[in-house]
């Protein structure tokens, strides 16, 4: 039984993404973070700047 479990452990393992893909995903995450911060700043300016 133990051998059966260990033999099936390795079949579902996925390969790690390529380095270029990791860099692209990191840049996308950074861009989304910056966009969110800018959007929040604009919303605060609109809310508090209107009064």
N, C-alpha and C. Protein backbone atom coordinates (compact mmCIF):
# COMPACT_ATOMS: atom_id res chain seq x y z
N UNK A 1 0.84 -1.20 0.00
CA UNK A 1 0.00 0.00 0.00
C UNK A 1 0.88 1.26 0.00
N UNK A 2 1.92 1.22 0.81
CA UNK A 2 2.79 2.38 0.88
C UNK A 2 3.48 2.63 -0.46
N UNK A 3 3.92 1.57 -1.12
CA UNK A 3 4.56 1.72 -2.42
C UNK A 3 3.60 2.31 -3.45
N UNK A 4 2.34 1.94 -3.36
CA UNK A 4 1.33 2.48 -4.28
C UNK A 4 1.17 3.98 -4.09
N UNK A 5 1.13 4.44 -2.84
CA UNK A 5 0.97 5.86 -2.57
C UNK A 5 2.17 6.66 -3.05
N UNK A 6 3.37 6.15 -2.80
CA UNK A 6 4.56 6.88 -3.19
C UNK A 6 4.74 6.89 -4.71
N UNK A 7 4.31 5.85 -5.39
CA UNK A 7 4.45 5.83 -6.85
C UNK A 7 3.49 6.82 -7.50
N UNK A 8 2.34 7.07 -6.89
CA UNK A 8 1.38 8.01 -7.46
C UNK A 8 1.67 9.45 -7.05
N UNK A 9 2.54 9.65 -6.10
CA UNK A 9 2.87 10.99 -5.65
C UNK A 9 3.54 11.79 -6.75
N UNK A 10 4.40 11.16 -7.53
CA UNK A 10 5.20 11.87 -8.50
C UNK A 10 4.47 12.10 -9.82
N UNK A 11 3.38 11.43 -10.07
CA UNK A 11 2.71 11.56 -11.36
C UNK A 11 1.95 12.87 -11.48
N UNK A 12 1.44 13.43 -10.41
CA UNK A 12 0.65 14.65 -10.47
C UNK A 12 1.46 15.92 -10.31
N UNK A 13 2.77 15.77 -10.22
CA UNK A 13 3.61 16.96 -10.00
C UNK A 13 3.75 17.75 -11.29
N UNK A 14 3.60 19.06 -11.19
CA UNK A 14 3.71 19.91 -12.37
C UNK A 14 5.13 20.46 -12.47
N UNK A 15 5.53 20.77 -13.69
CA UNK A 15 6.84 21.39 -13.89
C UNK A 15 6.80 22.84 -13.46
N UNK A 16 7.94 23.33 -13.02
CA UNK A 16 8.03 24.73 -12.64
C UNK A 16 7.98 25.61 -13.88
N UNK A 17 7.33 26.79 -13.80
CA UNK A 17 7.27 27.65 -14.97
C UNK A 17 8.65 28.15 -15.37
N UNK A 18 8.81 28.47 -16.62
CA UNK A 18 10.09 28.95 -17.13
C UNK A 18 10.42 30.30 -16.51
N UNK A 19 11.68 30.64 -16.55
CA UNK A 19 12.15 31.89 -15.94
C UNK A 19 11.48 33.10 -16.58
N UNK A 20 11.33 33.08 -17.90
CA UNK A 20 10.69 34.22 -18.57
C UNK A 20 9.26 34.39 -18.12
N UNK A 21 8.58 33.26 -17.91
CA UNK A 21 7.18 33.34 -17.46
C UNK A 21 7.12 33.91 -16.04
N UNK A 22 8.05 33.52 -15.18
CA UNK A 22 8.06 34.06 -13.82
C UNK A 22 8.30 35.56 -13.84
N UNK A 23 9.23 36.00 -14.68
CA UNK A 23 9.51 37.43 -14.77
C UNK A 23 8.30 38.18 -15.30
N UNK A 24 7.63 37.61 -16.31
CA UNK A 24 6.44 38.26 -16.87
C UNK A 24 5.33 38.33 -15.83
N UNK A 25 5.13 37.25 -15.07
CA UNK A 25 4.09 37.26 -14.04
C UNK A 25 4.41 38.27 -12.95
N UNK A 26 5.69 38.37 -12.58
CA UNK A 26 6.09 39.33 -11.55
C UNK A 26 5.85 40.76 -12.03
N UNK A 27 6.19 41.04 -13.30
CA UNK A 27 5.95 42.38 -13.84
C UNK A 27 4.47 42.69 -13.92
N UNK A 28 3.66 41.70 -14.29
CA UNK A 28 2.23 41.89 -14.35
C UNK A 28 1.67 42.20 -12.95
N UNK A 29 2.15 41.47 -11.96
CA UNK A 29 1.70 41.71 -10.58
C UNK A 29 2.10 43.10 -10.11
N UNK A 30 3.31 43.53 -10.45
CA UNK A 30 3.75 44.87 -10.08
C UNK A 30 2.93 45.94 -10.78
N UNK A 31 2.63 45.73 -12.05
CA UNK A 31 1.83 46.70 -12.80
C UNK A 31 0.42 46.80 -12.22
N UNK A 32 -0.17 45.66 -11.85
CA UNK A 32 -1.50 45.69 -11.25
C UNK A 32 -1.49 46.37 -9.90
N UNK A 33 -0.44 46.17 -9.13
CA UNK A 33 -0.32 46.83 -7.83
C UNK A 33 -0.22 48.34 -8.00
N UNK A 34 0.63 48.78 -8.92
CA UNK A 34 0.78 50.22 -9.17
C UNK A 34 -0.53 50.81 -9.67
N UNK A 35 -1.19 50.10 -10.59
CA UNK A 35 -2.48 50.57 -11.10
C UNK A 35 -3.50 50.71 -9.97
N UNK A 36 -3.53 49.73 -9.07
CA UNK A 36 -4.47 49.80 -7.95
C UNK A 36 -4.18 50.97 -7.02
N UNK A 37 -2.91 51.22 -6.77
CA UNK A 37 -2.55 52.36 -5.90
C UNK A 37 -2.91 53.69 -6.56
N UNK A 38 -2.64 53.81 -7.84
CA UNK A 38 -2.99 55.05 -8.56
C UNK A 38 -4.51 55.23 -8.57
N UNK A 39 -5.24 54.16 -8.81
CA UNK A 39 -6.69 54.25 -8.83
C UNK A 39 -7.23 54.66 -7.46
N UNK A 40 -6.66 54.09 -6.40
CA UNK A 40 -7.09 54.47 -5.05
C UNK A 40 -6.78 55.94 -4.77
N UNK A 41 -5.62 56.42 -5.22
CA UNK A 41 -5.26 57.82 -5.01
C UNK A 41 -6.23 58.73 -5.76
N UNK A 42 -6.57 58.38 -6.98
CA UNK A 42 -7.52 59.18 -7.76
C UNK A 42 -8.89 59.19 -7.09
N UNK A 43 -9.32 58.05 -6.59
CA UNK A 43 -10.61 58.00 -5.91
C UNK A 43 -10.62 58.87 -4.66
N UNK A 44 -9.54 58.82 -3.89
CA UNK A 44 -9.47 59.67 -2.70
C UNK A 44 -9.45 61.15 -3.08
N UNK A 45 -8.75 61.48 -4.17
CA UNK A 45 -8.71 62.87 -4.63
C UNK A 45 -10.10 63.34 -5.06
N UNK A 46 -10.83 62.47 -5.75
CA UNK A 46 -12.17 62.84 -6.20
C UNK A 46 -13.11 62.99 -5.01
N UNK A 47 -13.01 62.08 -4.04
CA UNK A 47 -13.91 62.12 -2.89
C UNK A 47 -13.62 63.33 -2.02
N UNK A 48 -12.36 63.52 -1.63
CA UNK A 48 -12.03 64.60 -0.71
C UNK A 48 -11.75 65.92 -1.41
N UNK A 49 -11.41 65.88 -2.66
CA UNK A 49 -11.16 67.12 -3.40
C UNK A 49 -12.44 67.83 -3.80
N UNK A 50 -13.54 67.13 -3.81
CA UNK A 50 -14.81 67.72 -4.21
C UNK A 50 -15.44 68.58 -3.13
N UNK A 51 -14.98 68.44 -1.91
CA UNK A 51 -15.61 69.19 -0.81
C UNK A 51 -14.81 70.39 -0.42
